[in-house]
Amino acid sequence: MVLGARPVVVRLAACKIDTTRPYGLAIPGFCKAPPDGAVVRAIGDGTLEMITMRLGVLHALGELGTPVVNDARAIERCTDKSMASFLLQRAGLPAPPTFVAQTHAQALAIARRELVHGPLVLKPLFGAQGWGLQLIREESELPSPEEARGVYYLQRFVPPRAGEGRFEDMRVLVSGGAVVGAMRRCADQWITNVRQGARPTGVEPGAAEKEIALRAAEALGAFCAGVDLIADQNGAPLVLEVNSMAGWSGLQRVTSFSIAERLAADMLAVIESSRVQRGDRRA
């Protein structure tokens, strides 16, 4: 038992839609009723059909009234970088100029126009932990459509502030409408993910960073999110990404309390609120 709850680890790949079951799903360990709540740590690798089906299970849990953190809609919004960028812009949040194209000709036109301002970062539409990023300094560096998997997500590169010469950004962890903690990530190269060697340092984000991180999570509908911020040349924060299934091992190394316990407590509060709204006390 953890904080009065019994956690059950289940792989989404092991869950099924089954209309012969009492609640229409087959989830290991939950034969007669769905879980009181679900925390999504990973979707897992697979084909488009497999990922769609797993998201369907999360959508189904939501239809059943089961609190899911984060729910399928938030995961879809955050995972698809193009939609995330659109929603951040629509919410009026500051972010580097971003362009998404589906052909090499379109990407080439963007590069010709934008490279006069500096390099562009090519990111996989679906990707995490800094893998697959490419710095585009010249038009000739644009990969083929096959290498880009048919989509060119291009974002203006934000260089280190003048006179600093070091690559760094900030990860702010948000849960339940509050900032849980933050770290500054410093690296010897332009990719600042901890999994790729960046060094984390605990930091207290300023009022501007807190506000933008909270607004970014809200704009994408994420109850819990890791919001990546980077300072522009004037020191103002820009949103790079919003991660709906963010890891926190790096942040935990520079944080004095248990992040897992804090997030679990937030989740239990959501479950209790859901029970009150439903007027039940399902075990």
C-alpha atoms as a PDB file:
ATOM      1  CA  MET A   1       0.000   0.000   0.000  1.00  0.00           C
ATOM      2  CA  VAL A   2       1.281   3.467  -0.896  1.00  0.00           C
ATOM      3  CA  LEU A   3      -0.456   6.496   0.666  1.00  0.00           C
ATOM      4  CA  GLY A   4      -3.483   4.271   1.263  1.00  0.00           C
ATOM      5  CA  ALA A   5      -3.623   2.937  -2.302  1.00  0.00           C
ATOM      6  CA  ARG A   6      -2.555  -0.363  -3.840  1.00  0.00           C
ATOM      7  CA  PRO A   7      -0.596   0.267  -7.046  1.00  0.00           C
ATOM      8  CA  VAL A   8      -0.795  -2.298  -9.836  1.00  0.00           C
ATOM      9  CA  VAL A   9       1.706  -2.077 -12.685  1.00  0.00           C
ATOM     10  CA  VAL A  10       0.106  -2.893 -16.041  1.00  0.00           C
ATOM     11  CA  ARG A  11       1.579  -2.610 -19.519  1.00  0.00           C
ATOM     12  CA  LEU A  12      -0.740  -0.898 -21.971  1.00  0.00           C
ATOM     13  CA  ALA A  13       0.285  -3.525 -24.505  1.00  0.00           C
ATOM     14  CA  ALA A  14      -1.396  -6.120 -22.256  1.00  0.00           C
ATOM     15  CA  CYS A  15      -4.729  -4.270 -22.189  1.00  0.00           C
ATOM     16  CA  LYS A  16      -7.517  -5.049 -24.643  1.00  0.00           C
ATOM     17  CA  ILE A  17     -10.906  -3.892 -25.779  1.00  0.00           C
ATOM     18  CA  ASP A  18     -13.263  -6.793 -24.994  1.00  0.00           C
ATOM     19  CA  THR A  19     -16.990  -6.189 -25.338  1.00  0.00           C
ATOM     20  CA  THR A  20     -17.789  -9.456 -23.550  1.00  0.00           C
ATOM     21  CA  ARG A  21     -16.278  -8.122 -20.318  1.00  0.00           C
ATOM     22  CA  PRO A  22     -18.384  -6.298 -17.695  1.00  0.00           C
ATOM     23  CA  TYR A  23     -16.952  -2.888 -18.546  1.00  0.00           C
ATOM     24  CA  GLY A  24     -15.774  -3.474 -22.116  1.00  0.00           C
ATOM     25  CA  LEU A  25     -12.059  -3.680 -21.357  1.00  0.00           C
ATOM     26  CA  ALA A  26      -9.700  -6.483 -20.377  1.00  0.00           C
ATOM     27  CA  ILE A  27      -7.093  -5.069 -17.990  1.00  0.00           C
ATOM     28  CA  PRO A  28      -4.860  -7.515 -16.083  1.00  0.00           C
ATOM     29  CA  GLY A  29      -5.813  -7.500 -12.393  1.00  0.00           C
ATOM     30  CA  PHE A  30      -9.160  -5.773 -12.948  1.00  0.00           C
ATOM     31  CA  CYS A  31     -11.705  -8.394 -13.968  1.00  0.00           C
ATOM     32  CA  LYS A  32     -14.980  -6.947 -12.690  1.00  0.00           C
ATOM     33  CA  ALA A  33     -14.418  -3.203 -12.642  1.00  0.00           C
ATOM     34  CA  PRO A  34     -11.906  -0.708 -14.014  1.00  0.00           C
ATOM     35  CA  PRO A  35      -9.211   0.739 -11.747  1.00  0.00           C
ATOM     36  CA  ASP A  36     -10.020   3.736  -9.576  1.00  0.00           C
ATOM     37  CA  GLY A  37      -7.406   5.699 -11.481  1.00  0.00           C
ATOM     38  CA  ALA A  38      -4.543   5.271 -13.924  1.00  0.00           C
ATOM     39  CA  VAL A  39      -1.161   6.959 -14.242  1.00  0.00           C
ATOM     40  CA  VAL A  40       0.370   6.619 -17.701  1.00  0.00           C
ATOM     41  CA  ARG A  41       4.147   6.326 -17.625  1.00  0.00           C
ATOM     42  CA  ALA A  42       4.651   5.130 -21.199  1.00  0.00           C
ATOM     43  CA  ILE A  43       2.677   4.173 -24.292  1.00  0.00           C
ATOM     44  CA  GLY A  44       5.383   1.833 -25.585  1.00  0.00           C
ATOM     45  CA  ASP A  45       6.754   1.252 -29.048  1.00  0.00           C
ATOM     46  CA  GLY A  46       4.690  -0.192 -31.856  1.00  0.00           C
ATOM     47  CA  THR A  47       2.971   0.389 -35.157  1.00  0.00           C
ATOM     48  CA  LEU A  48       0.539   3.246 -35.707  1.00  0.00           C
ATOM     49  CA  GLU A  49      -2.290   0.754 -35.221  1.00  0.00           C
ATOM     50  CA  MET A  50      -0.846  -0.486 -31.917  1.00  0.00           C
ATOM     51  CA  ILE A  51      -0.350   3.029 -30.548  1.00  0.00           C
ATOM     52  CA  THR A  52      -3.861   4.014 -31.665  1.00  0.00           C
ATOM     53  CA  MET A  53      -5.331   0.984 -29.908  1.00  0.00           C
ATOM     54  CA  ARG A  54      -3.496   1.764 -26.644  1.00  0.00           C
ATOM     55  CA  LEU A  55      -4.716   5.329 -26.762  1.00  0.00           C
ATOM     56  CA  GLY A  56      -8.172   3.874 -27.386  1.00  0.00           C
ATOM     57  CA  VAL A  57      -7.906   1.995 -24.090  1.00  0.00           C
ATOM     58  CA  LEU A  58      -7.101   5.273 -22.323  1.00  0.00           C
ATOM     59  CA  HIS A  59     -10.003   7.003 -24.079  1.00  0.00           C
ATOM     60  CA  ALA A  60     -12.259   4.136 -22.966  1.00  0.00           C
ATOM     61  CA  LEU A  61     -11.153   4.502 -19.345  1.00  0.00           C
ATOM     62  CA  GLY A  62     -12.046   8.173 -19.564  1.00  0.00           C
ATOM     63  CA  GLU A  63     -15.487   7.292 -20.932  1.00  0.00           C
ATOM     64  CA  LEU A  64     -15.941   4.982 -17.935  1.00  0.00           C
ATOM     65  CA  GLY A  65     -15.232   7.847 -15.556  1.00  0.00           C
ATOM     66  CA  THR A  66     -11.805   6.585 -14.498  1.00  0.00           C
ATOM     67  CA  PRO A  67      -9.362   9.450 -13.856  1.00  0.00           C
ATOM     68  CA  VAL A  68      -6.331   9.042 -16.133  1.00  0.00           C
ATOM     69  CA  VAL A  69      -3.141  11.092 -15.736  1.00  0.00           C
ATOM     70  CA  ASN A  70      -2.462  12.119 -18.312  1.00  0.00           C
ATOM     71  CA  ASP A  71      -5.563  11.355 -20.312  1.00  0.00           C
ATOM     72  CA  ALA A  72      -5.418  10.251 -23.940  1.00  0.00           C
ATOM     73  CA  ARG A  73      -6.242  13.685 -25.319  1.00  0.00           C
ATOM     74  CA  ALA A  74      -3.394  15.360 -23.426  1.00  0.00           C
ATOM     75  CA  ILE A  75      -0.959  12.631 -24.477  1.00  0.00           C
ATOM     76  CA  GLU A  76      -1.992  13.022 -28.113  1.00  0.00           C
ATOM     77  CA  ARG A  77      -1.575  16.789 -27.955  1.00  0.00           C
ATOM     78  CA  CYS A  78       1.845  16.673 -26.307  1.00  0.00           C
ATOM     79  CA  THR A  79       3.229  13.778 -28.345  1.00  0.00           C
ATOM     80  CA  ASP A  80       2.344  15.393 -31.668  1.00  0.00           C
ATOM     81  CA  LYS A  81       4.801  18.292 -31.667  1.00  0.00           C
ATOM     82  CA  SER A  82       2.948  20.037 -34.500  1.00  0.00           C
ATOM     83  CA  MET A  83      -0.317  20.178 -32.548  1.00  0.00           C
ATOM     84  CA  ALA A  84       1.531  21.158 -29.374  1.00  0.00           C
ATOM     85  CA  SER A  85       3.145  24.099 -31.180  1.00  0.00           C
ATOM     86  CA  PHE A  86      -0.212  25.174 -32.607  1.00  0.00           C
ATOM     87  CA  LEU A  87      -1.896  25.081 -29.197  1.00  0.00           C
ATOM     88  CA  LEU A  88       0.955  26.947 -27.498  1.00  0.00           C
ATOM     89  CA  GLN A  89       0.750  29.680 -30.140  1.00  0.00           C
ATOM     90  CA  ARG A  90      -3.031  29.811 -29.831  1.00  0.00           C
ATOM     91  CA  ALA A  91      -2.698  30.269 -26.063  1.00  0.00           C
ATOM     92  CA  GLY A  92      -0.352  33.208 -26.615  1.00  0.00           C
ATOM     93  CA  LEU A  93       2.652  31.465 -25.080  1.00  0.00           C
ATOM     94  CA  PRO A  94       6.171  32.455 -26.160  1.00  0.00           C
ATOM     95  CA  ALA A  95       8.009  29.819 -28.188  1.00  0.00           C
ATOM     96  CA  PRO A  96      10.635  29.738 -30.937  1.00  0.00           C
ATOM     97  CA  PRO A  97       9.161  30.191 -34.441  1.00  0.00           C
ATOM     98  CA  THR A  98       8.123  26.754 -35.686  1.00  0.00           C
ATOM     99  CA  PHE A  99       7.275  25.378 -39.121  1.00  0.00           C
ATOM    100  CA  VAL A 100       5.911  21.959 -40.114  1.00  0.00           C
ATOM    101  CA  ALA A 101       5.951  20.759 -43.723  1.00  0.00           C
ATOM    102  CA  GLN A 102       5.206  17.496 -45.523  1.00  0.00           C
ATOM    103  CA  THR A 103       7.464  17.723 -48.573  1.00  0.00           C
ATOM    104  CA  HIS A 104      11.146  18.366 -49.143  1.00  0.00           C
ATOM    105  CA  ALA A 105      10.265  21.294 -51.421  1.00  0.00           C
ATOM    106  CA  GLN A 106       8.231  22.940 -48.673  1.00  0.00           C
ATOM    107  CA  ALA A 107      11.000  22.361 -46.125  1.00  0.00           C
ATOM    108  CA  LEU A 108      13.578  23.750 -48.535  1.00  0.00           C
ATOM    109  CA  ALA A 109      11.539  26.925 -49.017  1.00  0.00           C
ATOM    110  CA  ILE A 110      11.314  27.330 -45.241  1.00  0.00           C
ATOM    111  CA  ALA A 111      15.057  26.791 -44.860  1.00  0.00           C
ATOM    112  CA  ARG A 112      15.894  29.331 -47.563  1.00  0.00           C
ATOM    113  CA  ARG A 113      13.749  31.919 -45.830  1.00  0.00           C
ATOM    114  CA  GLU A 114      14.689  31.169 -42.231  1.00  0.00           C
ATOM    115  CA  LEU A 115      18.380  30.275 -42.277  1.00  0.00           C
ATOM    116  CA  VAL A 116      19.250  33.960 -42.648  1.00  0.00           C
ATOM    117  CA  HIS A 117      18.135  34.242 -39.005  1.00  0.00           C
ATOM    118  CA  GLY A 118      20.311  31.337 -37.872  1.00  0.00           C
ATOM    119  CA  PRO A 119      20.183  27.531 -37.738  1.00  0.00           C
ATOM    120  CA  LEU A 120      17.006  25.470 -37.545  1.00  0.00           C
ATOM    121  CA  VAL A 121      16.430  22.394 -35.402  1.00  0.00           C
ATOM    122  CA  LEU A 122      14.818  19.451 -37.181  1.00  0.00           C
ATOM    123  CA  LYS A 123      12.882  17.293 -34.717  1.00  0.00           C
ATOM    124  CA  PRO A 124      11.010  14.020 -35.161  1.00  0.00           C
ATOM    125  CA  LEU A 125       7.284  14.705 -34.958  1.00  0.00           C
ATOM    126  CA  PHE A 126       7.087  11.927 -32.371  1.00  0.00           C
ATOM    127  CA  GLY A 127      10.193  11.678 -30.223  1.00  0.00           C
ATOM    128  CA  ALA A 128      11.613  12.263 -26.764  1.00  0.00           C
ATOM    129  CA  GLN A 129      14.796  12.448 -24.690  1.00  0.00           C
ATOM    130  CA  GLY A 130      16.624  14.435 -27.351  1.00  0.00           C
ATOM    131  CA  TRP A 131      16.919  11.548 -29.809  1.00  0.00           C
ATOM    132  CA  GLY A 132      16.762  12.231 -33.536  1.00  0.00           C
ATOM    133  CA  LEU A 133      17.417  15.977 -33.339  1.00  0.00           C
ATOM    134  CA  GLN A 134      19.410  17.565 -36.150  1.00  0.00           C
ATOM    135  CA  LEU A 135      20.843  21.070 -36.399  1.00  0.00           C
ATOM    136  CA  ILE A 136      20.296  22.490 -39.888  1.00  0.00           C
ATOM    137  CA  ARG A 137      22.806  25.211 -40.823  1.00  0.00           C
ATOM    138  CA  GLU A 138      22.589  24.877 -44.600  1.00  0.00           C
ATOM    139  CA  GLU A 139      19.859  23.928 -47.059  1.00  0.00           C
ATOM    140  CA  SER A 140      21.857  20.889 -48.148  1.00  0.00           C
ATOM    141  CA  GLU A 141      21.598  19.419 -44.631  1.00  0.00           C
ATOM    142  CA  LEU A 142      17.866  18.824 -44.952  1.00  0.00           C
ATOM    143  CA  PRO A 143      17.331  15.050 -45.024  1.00  0.00           C
ATOM    144  CA  SER A 144      15.309  13.188 -47.627  1.00  0.00           C
ATOM    145  CA  PRO A 145      11.566  12.676 -47.070  1.00  0.00           C
ATOM    146  CA  GLU A 146      12.288   9.044 -46.197  1.00  0.00           C
ATOM    147  CA  GLU A 147      14.808  10.037 -43.520  1.00  0.00           C
ATOM    148  CA  ALA A 148      12.396  12.679 -42.174  1.00  0.00           C
ATOM    149  CA  ARG A 149       9.565  10.112 -42.202  1.00  0.00           C
ATOM    150  CA  GLY A 150       7.478  12.386 -44.386  1.00  0.00           C
ATOM    151  CA  VAL A 151       7.253  15.340 -41.985  1.00  0.00           C
ATOM    152  CA  TYR A 152       9.699  18.204 -41.433  1.00  0.00           C
ATOM    153  CA  TYR A 153       9.234  19.786 -38.009  1.00  0.00           C
ATOM    154  CA  LEU A 154      11.571  22.776 -38.038  1.00  0.00           C
ATOM    155  CA  GLN A 155      12.104  25.138 -35.126  1.00  0.00           C
ATOM    156  CA  ARG A 156      14.360  28.161 -34.971  1.00  0.00           C
ATOM    157  CA  PHE A 157      17.467  27.339 -32.914  1.00  0.00           C
ATOM    158  CA  VAL A 158      17.863  29.361 -29.714  1.00  0.00           C
ATOM    159  CA  PRO A 159      21.605  29.903 -29.148  1.00  0.00           C
ATOM    160  CA  PRO A 160      23.228  30.557 -25.772  1.00  0.00           C
ATOM    161  CA  ARG A 161      22.850  34.110 -24.545  1.00  0.00           C
ATOM    162  CA  ALA A 162      25.580  36.485 -25.688  1.00  0.00           C
ATOM    163  CA  GLY A 163      28.666  36.214 -23.495  1.00  0.00           C
ATOM    164  CA  GLU A 164      27.606  32.971 -21.798  1.00  0.00           C
ATOM    165  CA  GLY A 165      28.716  30.367 -24.308  1.00  0.00           C
ATOM    166  CA  ARG A 166      27.108  27.422 -22.516  1.00  0.00           C
ATOM    167  CA  PHE A 167      24.135  25.359 -23.576  1.00  0.00           C
ATOM    168  CA  GLU A 168      21.385  25.188 -20.977  1.00  0.00           C
ATOM    169  CA  ASP A 169      17.645  25.090 -20.508  1.00  0.00           C
ATOM    170  CA  MET A 170      15.173  24.490 -17.695  1.00  0.00           C
ATOM    171  CA  ARG A 171      12.791  21.612 -17.016  1.00  0.00           C
ATOM    172  CA  VAL A 172       9.809  22.570 -14.849  1.00  0.00           C
ATOM    173  CA  LEU A 173       7.677  19.734 -13.488  1.00  0.00           C
ATOM    174  CA  VAL A 174       4.009  20.657 -13.122  1.00  0.00           C
ATOM    175  CA  SER A 175       1.314  18.624 -11.376  1.00  0.00           C
ATOM    176  CA  GLY A 176      -2.241  19.538 -10.497  1.00  0.00           C
ATOM    177  CA  GLY A 177      -1.853  23.187 -11.411  1.00  0.00           C
ATOM    178  CA  ALA A 178       1.260  23.706  -9.283  1.00  0.00           C
ATOM    179  CA  VAL A 179       5.011  23.640  -9.848  1.00  0.00           C
ATOM    180  CA  VAL A 180       6.537  20.574  -8.171  1.00  0.00           C
ATOM    181  CA  GLY A 181      10.178  21.374  -8.894  1.00  0.00           C
ATOM    182  CA  ALA A 182      12.640  22.472 -11.524  1.00  0.00           C
ATOM    183  CA  MET A 183      16.166  21.880 -12.712  1.00  0.00           C
ATOM    184  CA  ARG A 184      18.591  23.640 -14.976  1.00  0.00           C
ATOM    185  CA  ARG A 185      20.254  21.358 -17.525  1.00  0.00           C
ATOM    186  CA  CYS A 186      23.736  22.286 -18.760  1.00  0.00           C
ATOM    187  CA  ALA A 187      25.577  20.494 -21.558  1.00  0.00           C
ATOM    188  CA  ASP A 188      28.745  20.741 -23.600  1.00  0.00           C
ATOM    189  CA  GLN A 189      26.706  20.522 -26.792  1.00  0.00           C
ATOM    190  CA  TRP A 190      23.381  21.945 -27.922  1.00  0.00           C
ATOM    191  CA  ILE A 191      21.218  18.949 -26.918  1.00  0.00           C
ATOM    192  CA  THR A 192      20.528  19.415 -23.209  1.00  0.00           C
ATOM    193  CA  ASN A 193      18.735  16.206 -22.254  1.00  0.00           C
ATOM    194  CA  VAL A 194      19.979  14.469 -19.101  1.00  0.00           C
ATOM    195  CA  ARG A 195      19.796  11.095 -20.880  1.00  0.00           C
ATOM    196  CA  GLN A 196      22.374  12.456 -23.315  1.00  0.00           C
ATOM    197  CA  GLY A 197      24.830  13.683 -20.717  1.00  0.00           C
ATOM    198  CA  ALA A 198      23.487  17.049 -19.595  1.00  0.00           C
ATOM    199  CA  ARG A 199      24.187  17.960 -15.961  1.00  0.00           C
ATOM    200  CA  PRO A 200      21.141  18.797 -13.784  1.00  0.00           C
ATOM    201  CA  THR A 201      21.190  21.475 -11.107  1.00  0.00           C
ATOM    202  CA  GLY A 202      18.285  22.228  -8.809  1.00  0.00           C
ATOM    203  CA  VAL A 203      16.820  25.677  -9.351  1.00  0.00           C
ATOM    204  CA  GLU A 204      13.931  27.776  -8.100  1.00  0.00           C
ATOM    205  CA  PRO A 205      12.153  29.052 -11.211  1.00  0.00           C
ATOM    206  CA  GLY A 206      11.208  32.695 -11.305  1.00  0.00           C
ATOM    207  CA  ALA A 207       7.666  33.991 -11.454  1.00  0.00           C
ATOM    208  CA  ALA A 208       7.754  34.222 -15.256  1.00  0.00           C
ATOM    209  CA  GLU A 209       8.996  30.642 -15.658  1.00  0.00           C
ATOM    210  CA  LYS A 210       6.366  29.325 -13.253  1.00  0.00           C
ATOM    211  CA  GLU A 211       3.537  31.160 -14.972  1.00  0.00           C
ATOM    212  CA  ILE A 212       4.563  30.049 -18.452  1.00  0.00           C
ATOM    213  CA  ALA A 213       5.071  26.419 -17.386  1.00  0.00           C
ATOM    214  CA  LEU A 214       1.639  26.287 -15.755  1.00  0.00           C
ATOM    215  CA  ARG A 215      -0.031  27.931 -18.741  1.00  0.00           C
ATOM    216  CA  ALA A 216       1.724  25.578 -21.160  1.00  0.00           C
ATOM    217  CA  ALA A 217       0.529  22.488 -19.294  1.00  0.00           C
ATOM    218  CA  GLU A 218      -2.986  23.912 -19.168  1.00  0.00           C
ATOM    219  CA  ALA A 219      -2.964  24.780 -22.884  1.00  0.00           C
ATOM    220  CA  LEU A 220      -2.274  21.143 -23.735  1.00  0.00           C
ATOM    221  CA  GLY A 221      -4.659  19.774 -21.117  1.00  0.00           C
ATOM    222  CA  ALA A 222      -1.915  18.021 -19.140  1.00  0.00           C
ATOM    223  CA  PHE A 223      -2.481  17.457 -15.413  1.00  0.00           C
ATOM    224  CA  CYS A 224       1.171  16.441 -15.001  1.00  0.00           C
ATOM    225  CA  ALA A 225       3.858  17.632 -17.398  1.00  0.00           C
ATOM    226  CA  GLY A 226       7.524  18.357 -17.798  1.00  0.00           C
ATOM    227  CA  VAL A 227       7.760  21.758 -19.461  1.00  0.00           C
ATOM    228  CA  ASP A 228      11.057  22.599 -21.154  1.00  0.00           C
ATOM    229  CA  LEU A 229      11.956  26.291 -21.199  1.00  0.00           C
ATOM    230  CA  ILE A 230      14.884  28.141 -22.736  1.00  0.00           C
ATOM    231  CA  ALA A 231      15.910  31.782 -22.352  1.00  0.00           C
ATOM    232  CA  ASP A 232      16.029  34.045 -25.386  1.00  0.00           C
ATOM    233  CA  GLN A 233      18.750  36.647 -25.870  1.00  0.00           C
ATOM    234  CA  ASN A 234      16.948  38.968 -23.447  1.00  0.00           C
ATOM    235  CA  GLY A 235      16.576  36.280 -20.786  1.00  0.00           C
ATOM    236  CA  ALA A 236      12.836  35.828 -21.332  1.00  0.00           C
ATOM    237  CA  PRO A 237      11.595  32.213 -21.191  1.00  0.00           C
ATOM    238  CA  LEU A 238      10.395  30.403 -24.313  1.00  0.00           C
ATOM    239  CA  VAL A 239       8.562  27.066 -24.349  1.00  0.00           C
ATOM    240  CA  LEU A 240      10.456  24.343 -26.201  1.00  0.00           C
ATOM    241  CA  GLU A 241       8.291  21.322 -25.412  1.00  0.00           C
ATOM    242  CA  VAL A 242       5.618  19.986 -23.077  1.00  0.00           C
ATOM    243  CA  ASN A 243       6.141  16.348 -22.095  1.00  0.00           C
ATOM    244  CA  SER A 244       3.049  14.439 -20.955  1.00  0.00           C
ATOM    245  CA  MET A 245       5.012  11.371 -19.820  1.00  0.00           C
ATOM    246  CA  ALA A 246       8.076  13.105 -18.449  1.00  0.00           C
ATOM    247  CA  GLY A 247      10.716  11.207 -16.533  1.00  0.00           C
ATOM    248  CA  TRP A 248      12.074  12.776 -13.378  1.00  0.00           C
ATOM    249  CA  SER A 249      15.216  10.785 -12.534  1.00  0.00           C
ATOM    250  CA  GLY A 250      17.440  13.785 -13.260  1.00  0.00           C
ATOM    251  CA  LEU A 251      15.203  16.133 -11.293  1.00  0.00           C
ATOM    252  CA  GLN A 252      15.030  13.690  -8.382  1.00  0.00           C
ATOM    253  CA  ARG A 253      18.837  13.783  -8.101  1.00  0.00           C
ATOM    254  CA  VAL A 254      18.672  17.492  -7.262  1.00  0.00           C
ATOM    255  CA  THR A 255      15.421  17.488  -5.255  1.00  0.00           C
ATOM    256  CA  SER A 256      15.218  16.911  -1.490  1.00  0.00           C
ATOM    257  CA  PHE A 257      11.768  15.255  -1.391  1.00  0.00           C
ATOM    258  CA  SER A 258      10.257  12.235  -3.131  1.00  0.00           C
ATOM    259  CA  ILE A 259       8.782  13.375  -6.425  1.00  0.00           C
ATOM    260  CA  ALA A 260       6.989  10.043  -6.838  1.00  0.00           C
ATOM    261  CA  GLU A 261       5.190  10.474  -3.505  1.00  0.00           C
ATOM    262  CA  ARG A 262       4.153  14.012  -4.407  1.00  0.00           C
ATOM    263  CA  LEU A 263       2.754  12.922  -7.767  1.00  0.00           C
ATOM    264  CA  ALA A 264       1.015   9.938  -6.166  1.00  0.00           C
ATOM    265  CA  ALA A 265      -0.630  12.221  -3.615  1.00  0.00           C
ATOM    266  CA  ASP A 266      -1.845  14.497  -6.408  1.00  0.00           C
ATOM    267  CA  MET A 267      -3.274  11.492  -8.259  1.00  0.00           C
ATOM    268  CA  LEU A 268      -5.085  10.226  -5.159  1.00  0.00           C
ATOM    269  CA  ALA A 269      -6.623  13.663  -4.715  1.00  0.00           C
ATOM    270  CA  VAL A 270      -7.947  13.440  -8.284  1.00  0.00           C
ATOM    271  CA  ILE A 271      -9.407   9.990  -7.593  1.00  0.00           C
ATOM    272  CA  GLU A 272     -11.106  11.167  -4.418  1.00  0.00           C
ATOM    273  CA  SER A 273     -12.546  14.207  -6.179  1.00  0.00           C
ATOM    274  CA  SER A 274     -13.864  11.956  -8.954  1.00  0.00           C
ATOM    275  CA  ARG A 275     -15.511   9.660  -6.422  1.00  0.00           C
ATOM    276  CA  VAL A 276     -17.230  12.569  -4.716  1.00  0.00           C
ATOM    277  CA  GLN A 277     -18.504  13.862  -8.050  1.00  0.00           C
ATOM    278  CA  ARG A 278     -19.833  10.409  -8.961  1.00  0.00           C
ATOM    279  CA  GLY A 279     -21.331   9.995  -5.516  1.00  0.00           C
ATOM    280  CA  ASP A 280     -19.750   6.590  -5.002  1.00  0.00           C
ATOM    281  CA  ARG A 281     -16.982   4.939  -3.034  1.00  0.00           C
ATOM    282  CA  ARG A 282     -15.860   2.283  -5.461  1.00  0.00           C
ATOM    283  CA  ALA A 283     -13.118   0.116  -3.971  1.00  0.00           C
END
